[in-house]
Amino acid sequence: MPCFLIFVGVKIIILCIGDTRAAYIRDGMAEYSARIKHYAPCDIEVISEKKVWRKLPADARKKAEGEAILSAIASGDMAVLLDENGTEYGSRAFAAKLEKYAGAGHKRLVFVIGGAFGFSPEVCAAVKTKMSLSKMTFNHEMVRLFMLEQIYRAFSILRNEPYHND
């Protein structure tokens, strides 16, 4: 089945903590979001960073952010944590995984990007699917752009379009 049929009725969400401060990252996110919308609906959902969270120790901050993350994920969502301990995929393997997720009958496919300190144990326990972009550590704001680019790349692979080069 062609991928454009699989993605009918599936909305891709990038769920993240706090605003994207750097203009160059916002610009890149806007560029790739616009490209993705040719294939499927895609939105960035930002959980507002509470000022009080900034004053908390890392574990307490992860717990507070985690509660907000879990409340933003609906029971029918397919959620994937972007986590350094998750499974790594090459671009073609990720494209196949994206297609599989979309074909699973969920209304929303939610890629969750944690805050600067990562995810709470509660979030990790609730969301079993974890994916890593790299063994390297990236700024959590940059991960937003990287993820959007990889989603766009996956669609170009699935559609046999010339963006991706092996």
N, C-alpha and C. Protein backbone atom coordinates (compact mmCIF):
# COMPACT_ATOMS: atom_id res chain seq x y z
N MET A 1 0.85 -1.18 0.00
CA MET A 1 0.00 0.00 0.00
C MET A 1 0.90 1.24 0.00
N PRO A 2 0.67 2.19 -0.89
CA PRO A 2 1.49 3.40 -0.92
C PRO A 2 1.40 4.16 0.40
N CYS A 3 2.52 4.76 0.82
CA CYS A 3 2.58 5.37 2.14
C CYS A 3 1.58 6.49 2.33
N PHE A 4 1.22 7.22 1.28
CA PHE A 4 0.29 8.34 1.48
C PHE A 4 -1.08 7.84 1.93
N LEU A 5 -1.45 6.60 1.59
CA LEU A 5 -2.71 6.05 2.07
C LEU A 5 -2.63 5.65 3.53
N ILE A 6 -1.49 5.14 3.95
CA ILE A 6 -1.29 4.72 5.33
C ILE A 6 -1.41 5.91 6.28
N PHE A 7 -0.95 7.08 5.86
CA PHE A 7 -0.91 8.23 6.74
C PHE A 7 -2.21 9.04 6.76
N VAL A 8 -3.22 8.61 6.02
CA VAL A 8 -4.52 9.27 6.08
C VAL A 8 -5.09 9.03 7.48
N GLY A 9 -5.47 10.11 8.14
CA GLY A 9 -6.05 9.99 9.47
C GLY A 9 -5.05 9.93 10.60
N VAL A 10 -3.76 9.94 10.29
CA VAL A 10 -2.72 9.90 11.33
C VAL A 10 -2.07 11.28 11.40
N LYS A 11 -2.02 11.81 12.60
CA LYS A 11 -1.38 13.10 12.82
C LYS A 11 -0.08 12.85 13.57
N ILE A 12 1.00 13.45 13.09
CA ILE A 12 2.30 13.34 13.74
C ILE A 12 2.46 14.53 14.67
N ILE A 13 2.84 14.24 15.90
CA ILE A 13 3.04 15.28 16.91
C ILE A 13 4.47 15.18 17.43
N ILE A 14 5.13 16.31 17.53
CA ILE A 14 6.39 16.40 18.26
C ILE A 14 6.03 17.09 19.57
N LEU A 15 6.09 16.36 20.66
CA LEU A 15 5.74 16.88 21.97
C LEU A 15 7.03 17.22 22.70
N CYS A 16 7.16 18.46 23.14
CA CYS A 16 8.41 18.88 23.78
C CYS A 16 8.15 19.85 24.93
N ILE A 17 9.17 20.00 25.74
CA ILE A 17 9.12 20.87 26.91
C ILE A 17 9.74 22.21 26.57
N GLY A 18 9.02 23.29 26.80
CA GLY A 18 9.56 24.64 26.66
C GLY A 18 9.69 25.11 25.23
N ASP A 19 9.74 26.42 25.08
CA ASP A 19 9.84 27.05 23.77
C ASP A 19 11.22 26.81 23.16
N THR A 20 11.28 26.92 21.86
CA THR A 20 12.55 26.86 21.14
C THR A 20 13.09 28.28 21.10
N ARG A 21 14.20 28.50 21.75
CA ARG A 21 14.72 29.86 21.90
C ARG A 21 15.54 30.34 20.71
N ALA A 22 16.32 29.45 20.12
CA ALA A 22 17.24 29.85 19.04
C ALA A 22 16.48 30.03 17.73
N ALA A 23 16.64 31.19 17.13
CA ALA A 23 15.93 31.51 15.88
C ALA A 23 16.29 30.55 14.76
N TYR A 24 17.56 30.15 14.67
CA TYR A 24 17.95 29.27 13.57
C TYR A 24 17.29 27.89 13.71
N ILE A 25 17.06 27.44 14.93
CA ILE A 25 16.35 26.17 15.13
C ILE A 25 14.88 26.35 14.78
N ARG A 26 14.27 27.44 15.21
CA ARG A 26 12.87 27.71 14.85
C ARG A 26 12.69 27.77 13.35
N ASP A 27 13.63 28.44 12.66
CA ASP A 27 13.56 28.54 11.19
C ASP A 27 13.64 27.16 10.54
N GLY A 28 14.56 26.34 11.00
CA GLY A 28 14.69 24.99 10.46
C GLY A 28 13.46 24.15 10.74
N MET A 29 12.92 24.28 11.94
CA MET A 29 11.70 23.55 12.29
C MET A 29 10.55 23.96 11.39
N ALA A 30 10.42 25.24 11.13
CA ALA A 30 9.35 25.72 10.25
C ALA A 30 9.52 25.17 8.84
N GLU A 31 10.76 25.13 8.37
CA GLU A 31 11.03 24.60 7.02
C GLU A 31 10.62 23.13 6.91
N TYR A 32 11.07 22.30 7.85
CA TYR A 32 10.77 20.87 7.76
C TYR A 32 9.31 20.57 8.10
N SER A 33 8.71 21.33 8.98
CA SER A 33 7.28 21.15 9.26
C SER A 33 6.46 21.40 8.01
N ALA A 34 6.81 22.45 7.27
CA ALA A 34 6.09 22.76 6.02
C ALA A 34 6.27 21.65 5.00
N ARG A 35 7.46 21.09 4.92
CA ARG A 35 7.72 19.99 3.98
C ARG A 35 6.92 18.74 4.36
N ILE A 36 6.88 18.43 5.64
CA ILE A 36 6.18 17.22 6.11
C ILE A 36 4.69 17.32 5.83
N LYS A 37 4.13 18.51 5.93
CA LYS A 37 2.68 18.68 5.75
C LYS A 37 2.19 18.28 4.36
N HIS A 38 3.11 18.11 3.41
CA HIS A 38 2.73 17.60 2.09
C HIS A 38 2.39 16.11 2.16
N TYR A 39 2.82 15.46 3.22
CA TYR A 39 2.61 14.02 3.37
C TYR A 39 1.59 13.67 4.45
N ALA A 40 1.64 14.39 5.55
CA ALA A 40 0.77 14.08 6.69
C ALA A 40 0.70 15.32 7.59
N PRO A 41 -0.39 15.45 8.35
CA PRO A 41 -0.44 16.55 9.32
C PRO A 41 0.66 16.36 10.37
N CYS A 42 1.32 17.44 10.71
CA CYS A 42 2.41 17.38 11.69
C CYS A 42 2.40 18.67 12.50
N ASP A 43 2.36 18.54 13.80
CA ASP A 43 2.36 19.71 14.68
C ASP A 43 3.41 19.56 15.77
N ILE A 44 3.88 20.70 16.23
CA ILE A 44 4.74 20.76 17.40
C ILE A 44 3.83 21.15 18.56
N GLU A 45 3.79 20.34 19.59
CA GLU A 45 3.03 20.67 20.80
C GLU A 45 4.04 20.94 21.91
N VAL A 46 4.00 22.15 22.42
CA VAL A 46 4.95 22.58 23.44
C VAL A 46 4.26 22.58 24.80
N ILE A 47 4.88 21.90 25.74
CA ILE A 47 4.44 21.98 27.13
C ILE A 47 5.19 23.16 27.73
N SER A 48 4.45 24.15 28.15
CA SER A 48 5.08 25.36 28.69
C SER A 48 5.94 25.03 29.90
N GLU A 49 7.14 25.57 29.87
CA GLU A 49 8.06 25.37 30.98
C GLU A 49 7.64 26.30 32.12
N LYS A 50 7.37 25.72 33.25
CA LYS A 50 6.98 26.51 34.42
C LYS A 50 8.24 27.12 35.06
N LYS A 51 8.14 28.37 35.47
CA LYS A 51 9.29 29.03 36.10
C LYS A 51 9.76 28.28 37.34
N VAL A 52 8.82 27.72 38.07
CA VAL A 52 9.18 26.99 39.29
C VAL A 52 10.02 25.76 38.98
N TRP A 53 9.85 25.17 37.79
CA TRP A 53 10.63 23.98 37.42
C TRP A 53 12.12 24.30 37.38
N ARG A 54 12.48 25.50 36.97
CA ARG A 54 13.88 25.88 36.83
C ARG A 54 14.62 25.86 38.17
N LYS A 55 13.89 26.00 39.24
CA LYS A 55 14.50 26.05 40.58
C LYS A 55 14.59 24.67 41.23
N LEU A 56 14.00 23.67 40.60
CA LEU A 56 13.95 22.33 41.19
C LEU A 56 15.23 21.55 40.91
N PRO A 57 15.58 20.64 41.83
CA PRO A 57 16.68 19.70 41.52
C PRO A 57 16.26 18.84 40.31
N ALA A 58 17.23 18.26 39.62
CA ALA A 58 16.97 17.54 38.36
C ALA A 58 15.88 16.48 38.50
N ASP A 59 15.91 15.66 39.54
CA ASP A 59 14.90 14.59 39.68
C ASP A 59 13.50 15.15 39.88
N ALA A 60 13.39 16.20 40.68
CA ALA A 60 12.07 16.82 40.90
C ALA A 60 11.58 17.50 39.62
N ARG A 61 12.50 18.08 38.90
CA ARG A 61 12.12 18.72 37.64
C ARG A 61 11.64 17.68 36.63
N LYS A 62 12.35 16.56 36.52
CA LYS A 62 11.93 15.49 35.61
C LYS A 62 10.55 14.97 36.00
N LYS A 63 10.30 14.86 37.30
CA LYS A 63 8.99 14.38 37.76
C LYS A 63 7.89 15.36 37.36
N ALA A 64 8.11 16.64 37.59
CA ALA A 64 7.11 17.66 37.23
C ALA A 64 6.87 17.69 35.72
N GLU A 65 7.95 17.68 34.94
CA GLU A 65 7.81 17.65 33.49
C GLU A 65 7.12 16.37 33.05
N GLY A 66 7.46 15.26 33.71
CA GLY A 66 6.87 13.97 33.38
C GLY A 66 5.36 13.95 33.56
N GLU A 67 4.89 14.55 34.62
CA GLU A 67 3.44 14.62 34.85
C GLU A 67 2.76 15.38 33.71
N ALA A 68 3.41 16.46 33.27
CA ALA A 68 2.85 17.25 32.16
C ALA A 68 2.89 16.45 30.86
N ILE A 69 3.96 15.72 30.63
CA ILE A 69 4.08 14.89 29.42
C ILE A 69 2.98 13.84 29.41
N LEU A 70 2.83 13.13 30.51
CA LEU A 70 1.83 12.05 30.56
C LEU A 70 0.42 12.58 30.39
N SER A 71 0.16 13.77 30.88
CA SER A 71 -1.19 14.33 30.71
C SER A 71 -1.44 14.79 29.26
N ALA A 72 -0.37 14.98 28.48
CA ALA A 72 -0.51 15.41 27.09
C ALA A 72 -0.64 14.24 26.11
N ILE A 73 -0.39 13.04 26.59
CA ILE A 73 -0.48 11.85 25.74
C ILE A 73 -1.83 11.20 25.99
N ALA A 74 -2.62 11.04 24.93
CA ALA A 74 -3.94 10.42 25.05
C ALA A 74 -3.80 8.90 25.03
N SER A 75 -4.79 8.22 25.57
CA SER A 75 -4.73 6.76 25.68
C SER A 75 -4.62 6.07 24.32
N GLY A 76 -5.14 6.67 23.27
CA GLY A 76 -5.09 6.05 21.95
C GLY A 76 -3.88 6.43 21.12
N ASP A 77 -2.98 7.22 21.68
CA ASP A 77 -1.79 7.66 20.95
C ASP A 77 -0.75 6.56 20.86
N MET A 78 0.02 6.59 19.79
CA MET A 78 1.25 5.80 19.69
C MET A 78 2.35 6.76 20.08
N ALA A 79 2.93 6.56 21.26
CA ALA A 79 3.95 7.47 21.76
C ALA A 79 5.33 6.81 21.67
N VAL A 80 6.31 7.62 21.31
CA VAL A 80 7.70 7.18 21.20
C VAL A 80 8.57 8.20 21.91
N LEU A 81 9.32 7.74 22.90
CA LEU A 81 10.25 8.63 23.60
C LEU A 81 11.54 8.73 22.81
N LEU A 82 12.02 9.94 22.62
CA LEU A 82 13.35 10.12 22.05
C LEU A 82 14.31 10.14 23.23
N ASP A 83 15.01 9.03 23.38
CA ASP A 83 15.79 8.77 24.59
C ASP A 83 17.14 8.17 24.20
N GLU A 84 18.18 8.60 24.86
CA GLU A 84 19.52 8.11 24.53
C GLU A 84 19.66 6.61 24.67
N ASN A 85 18.81 5.97 25.47
CA ASN A 85 18.87 4.52 25.66
C ASN A 85 17.92 3.76 24.74
N GLY A 86 17.29 4.47 23.82
CA GLY A 86 16.35 3.83 22.91
C GLY A 86 17.06 3.13 21.76
N THR A 87 16.28 2.50 20.92
CA THR A 87 16.79 1.80 19.75
C THR A 87 17.23 2.81 18.69
N GLU A 88 18.39 2.57 18.11
CA GLU A 88 18.87 3.41 17.02
C GLU A 88 18.46 2.80 15.69
N TYR A 89 18.09 3.65 14.75
CA TYR A 89 17.70 3.22 13.40
C TYR A 89 18.48 4.02 12.38
N GLY A 90 18.82 3.39 11.27
CA GLY A 90 19.27 4.14 10.11
C GLY A 90 18.05 4.80 9.49
N SER A 91 18.27 5.66 8.52
CA SER A 91 17.15 6.41 7.94
C SER A 91 16.14 5.50 7.24
N ARG A 92 16.60 4.49 6.52
CA ARG A 92 15.67 3.58 5.85
C ARG A 92 14.89 2.74 6.87
N ALA A 93 15.57 2.28 7.90
CA ALA A 93 14.88 1.50 8.94
C ALA A 93 13.87 2.37 9.68
N PHE A 94 14.22 3.63 9.92
CA PHE A 94 13.26 4.53 10.57
C PHE A 94 12.05 4.77 9.66
N ALA A 95 12.28 4.92 8.37
CA ALA A 95 11.16 5.10 7.44
C ALA A 95 10.20 3.91 7.52
N ALA A 96 10.75 2.71 7.56
CA ALA A 96 9.91 1.51 7.67
C ALA A 96 9.16 1.49 9.00
N LYS A 97 9.83 1.92 10.07
CA LYS A 97 9.20 1.96 11.40
C LYS A 97 8.09 3.02 11.42
N LEU A 98 8.33 4.17 10.82
CA LEU A 98 7.32 5.23 10.74
C LEU A 98 6.08 4.72 10.00
N GLU A 99 6.30 4.02 8.90
CA GLU A 99 5.20 3.46 8.14
C GLU A 99 4.43 2.43 8.98
N LYS A 100 5.16 1.62 9.73
CA LYS A 100 4.52 0.61 10.60
C LYS A 100 3.69 1.29 11.69
N TYR A 101 4.26 2.30 12.34
CA TYR A 101 3.53 3.04 13.37
C TYR A 101 2.24 3.63 12.79
N ALA A 102 2.35 4.23 11.61
CA ALA A 102 1.19 4.88 10.99
C ALA A 102 0.10 3.87 10.64
N GLY A 103 0.51 2.67 10.28
CA GLY A 103 -0.45 1.65 9.89
C GLY A 103 -1.08 0.91 11.06
N ALA A 104 -0.71 1.28 12.28
CA ALA A 104 -1.18 0.56 13.46
C ALA A 104 -2.55 1.02 13.94
N GLY A 105 -3.15 2.02 13.28
CA GLY A 105 -4.51 2.43 13.61
C GLY A 105 -4.64 3.52 14.67
N HIS A 106 -3.55 4.14 15.03
CA HIS A 106 -3.60 5.23 16.00
C HIS A 106 -3.93 6.54 15.29
N LYS A 107 -4.64 7.43 15.98
CA LYS A 107 -4.97 8.75 15.41
C LYS A 107 -3.76 9.68 15.46
N ARG A 108 -2.94 9.52 16.53
CA ARG A 108 -1.78 10.40 16.68
C ARG A 108 -0.53 9.55 16.93
N LEU A 109 0.54 9.94 16.25
CA LEU A 109 1.85 9.37 16.46
C LEU A 109 2.66 10.47 17.14
N VAL A 110 3.00 10.26 18.41
CA VAL A 110 3.60 11.31 19.23
C VAL A 110 5.05 10.98 19.54
N PHE A 111 5.95 11.81 19.04
CA PHE A 111 7.36 11.68 19.37
C PHE A 111 7.63 12.66 20.52
N VAL A 112 8.08 12.13 21.64
CA VAL A 112 8.22 12.92 22.86
C VAL A 112 9.69 13.25 23.10
N ILE A 113 9.96 14.54 23.21
CA ILE A 113 11.30 15.03 23.51
C ILE A 113 11.26 15.62 24.91
N GLY A 114 12.05 15.06 25.79
CA GLY A 114 12.06 15.51 27.18
C GLY A 114 12.80 16.83 27.33
N GLY A 115 12.86 17.27 28.56
CA GLY A 115 13.59 18.49 28.87
C GLY A 115 15.09 18.23 28.96
N ALA A 116 15.81 19.20 29.45
CA ALA A 116 17.27 19.12 29.50
C ALA A 116 17.79 17.95 30.33
N PHE A 117 16.99 17.46 31.28
CA PHE A 117 17.45 16.38 32.16
C PHE A 117 16.87 15.03 31.79
N GLY A 118 16.12 14.97 30.69
CA GLY A 118 15.56 13.70 30.25
C GLY A 118 14.19 13.42 30.84
N PHE A 119 13.86 12.12 30.93
CA PHE A 119 12.53 11.69 31.35
C PHE A 119 12.53 11.13 32.77
N SER A 120 11.40 11.30 33.43
CA SER A 120 11.21 10.71 34.76
C SER A 120 11.01 9.21 34.62
N PRO A 121 11.26 8.46 35.69
CA PRO A 121 10.98 7.01 35.65
C PRO A 121 9.52 6.71 35.32
N GLU A 122 8.61 7.59 35.73
CA GLU A 122 7.18 7.39 35.46
C GLU A 122 6.89 7.45 33.96
N VAL A 123 7.52 8.38 33.27
CA VAL A 123 7.33 8.49 31.81
C VAL A 123 7.94 7.26 31.13
N CYS A 124 9.13 6.88 31.55
CA CYS A 124 9.79 5.71 30.94
C CYS A 124 8.97 4.44 31.16
N ALA A 125 8.31 4.34 32.31
CA ALA A 125 7.49 3.15 32.59
C ALA A 125 6.20 3.18 31.76
N ALA A 126 5.65 4.36 31.54
CA ALA A 126 4.37 4.47 30.83
C ALA A 126 4.51 4.35 29.32
N VAL A 127 5.63 4.83 28.78
CA VAL A 127 5.85 4.81 27.33
C VAL A 127 6.98 3.82 27.06
N LYS A 128 6.61 2.68 26.55
CA LYS A 128 7.58 1.59 26.38
C LYS A 128 8.46 1.74 25.15
N THR A 129 7.98 2.43 24.12
CA THR A 129 8.74 2.54 22.87
C THR A 129 9.71 3.71 22.98
N LYS A 130 10.99 3.39 22.81
CA LYS A 130 12.04 4.40 22.93
C LYS A 130 12.95 4.33 21.71
N MET A 131 13.32 5.50 21.24
CA MET A 131 14.16 5.61 20.06
C MET A 131 15.28 6.60 20.33
N SER A 132 16.46 6.29 19.83
CA SER A 132 17.60 7.19 19.98
C SER A 132 18.02 7.71 18.62
N LEU A 133 18.31 8.99 18.53
CA LEU A 133 18.83 9.55 17.29
C LEU A 133 20.33 9.29 17.14
N SER A 134 21.01 9.07 18.28
CA SER A 134 22.46 8.87 18.24
C SER A 134 22.93 8.51 19.65
N LYS A 135 24.11 7.95 19.73
CA LYS A 135 24.72 7.74 21.04
C LYS A 135 25.26 9.05 21.61
N MET A 136 25.40 10.04 20.74
CA MET A 136 25.84 11.36 21.20
C MET A 136 24.70 12.05 21.94
N THR A 137 25.04 13.01 22.77
CA THR A 137 24.05 13.81 23.47
C THR A 137 23.84 15.10 22.68
N PHE A 138 22.56 15.44 22.44
CA PHE A 138 22.23 16.66 21.74
C PHE A 138 21.42 17.57 22.66
N ASN A 139 21.53 18.86 22.42
CA ASN A 139 20.68 19.83 23.08
C ASN A 139 19.23 19.47 22.78
N HIS A 140 18.36 19.48 23.80
CA HIS A 140 16.98 19.03 23.59
C HIS A 140 16.22 19.90 22.59
N GLU A 141 16.64 21.14 22.40
CA GLU A 141 16.00 21.98 21.38
C GLU A 141 16.43 21.55 19.98
N MET A 142 17.69 21.17 19.80
CA MET A 142 18.17 20.74 18.49
C MET A 142 17.51 19.43 18.06
N VAL A 143 17.19 18.58 19.04
CA VAL A 143 16.56 17.30 18.73
C VAL A 143 15.24 17.53 17.98
N ARG A 144 14.55 18.60 18.28
CA ARG A 144 13.29 18.92 17.60
C ARG A 144 13.52 19.05 16.10
N LEU A 145 14.54 19.81 15.74
CA LEU A 145 14.87 20.01 14.33
C LEU A 145 15.34 18.70 13.71
N PHE A 146 16.23 17.98 14.39
CA PHE A 146 16.74 16.72 13.86
C PHE A 146 15.60 15.73 13.61
N MET A 147 14.66 15.67 14.53
CA MET A 147 13.55 14.73 14.39
C MET A 147 12.66 15.10 13.21
N LEU A 148 12.37 16.38 13.06
CA LEU A 148 11.57 16.82 11.91
C LEU A 148 12.27 16.49 10.60
N GLU A 149 13.58 16.71 10.54
CA GLU A 149 14.31 16.39 9.33
C GLU A 149 14.24 14.90 9.05
N GLN A 150 14.37 14.07 10.06
CA GLN A 150 14.32 12.62 9.86
C GLN A 150 12.93 12.14 9.44
N ILE A 151 11.90 12.77 9.95
CA ILE A 151 10.54 12.43 9.51
C ILE A 151 10.37 12.79 8.04
N TYR A 152 10.83 13.98 7.66
CA TYR A 152 10.77 14.37 6.25
C TYR A 152 11.57 13.40 5.39
N ARG A 153 12.76 13.05 5.84
CA ARG A 153 13.60 12.11 5.10
C ARG A 153 12.89 10.77 4.95
N ALA A 154 12.23 10.31 6.01
CA ALA A 154 11.51 9.04 5.96
C ALA A 154 10.42 9.08 4.90
N PHE A 155 9.67 10.17 4.85
CA PHE A 155 8.64 10.28 3.81
C PHE A 155 9.25 10.27 2.42
N SER A 156 10.38 10.94 2.24
CA SER A 156 11.00 10.95 0.91
C SER A 156 11.48 9.55 0.53
N ILE A 157 11.93 8.78 1.50
CA ILE A 157 12.33 7.39 1.25
C ILE A 157 11.11 6.57 0.87
N LEU A 158 10.04 6.70 1.64
CA LEU A 158 8.83 5.91 1.39
C LEU A 158 8.21 6.24 0.03
N ARG A 159 8.39 7.46 -0.43
CA ARG A 159 7.82 7.90 -1.72
C ARG A 159 8.82 7.80 -2.86
N ASN A 160 10.01 7.26 -2.58
CA ASN A 160 11.07 7.15 -3.60
C ASN A 160 11.40 8.50 -4.22
N GLU A 161 11.42 9.53 -3.39
CA GLU A 161 11.78 10.86 -3.86
C GLU A 161 13.28 11.08 -3.66
N PRO A 162 13.87 12.01 -4.38
CA PRO A 162 15.34 12.10 -4.43
C PRO A 162 16.05 12.75 -3.24
N TYR A 163 15.38 13.08 -2.17
CA TYR A 163 16.04 13.78 -1.05
C TYR A 163 17.12 12.92 -0.39
N HIS A 164 16.82 11.65 -0.14
CA HIS A 164 17.74 10.76 0.58
C HIS A 164 18.73 10.11 -0.40
N ASN A 165 19.99 10.10 -0.02
CA ASN A 165 21.03 9.41 -0.80
C ASN A 165 21.67 8.34 0.07
N ASP A 166 21.76 7.14 -0.47
CA ASP A 166 22.43 6.05 0.27
C ASP A 166 23.91 6.10 0.06
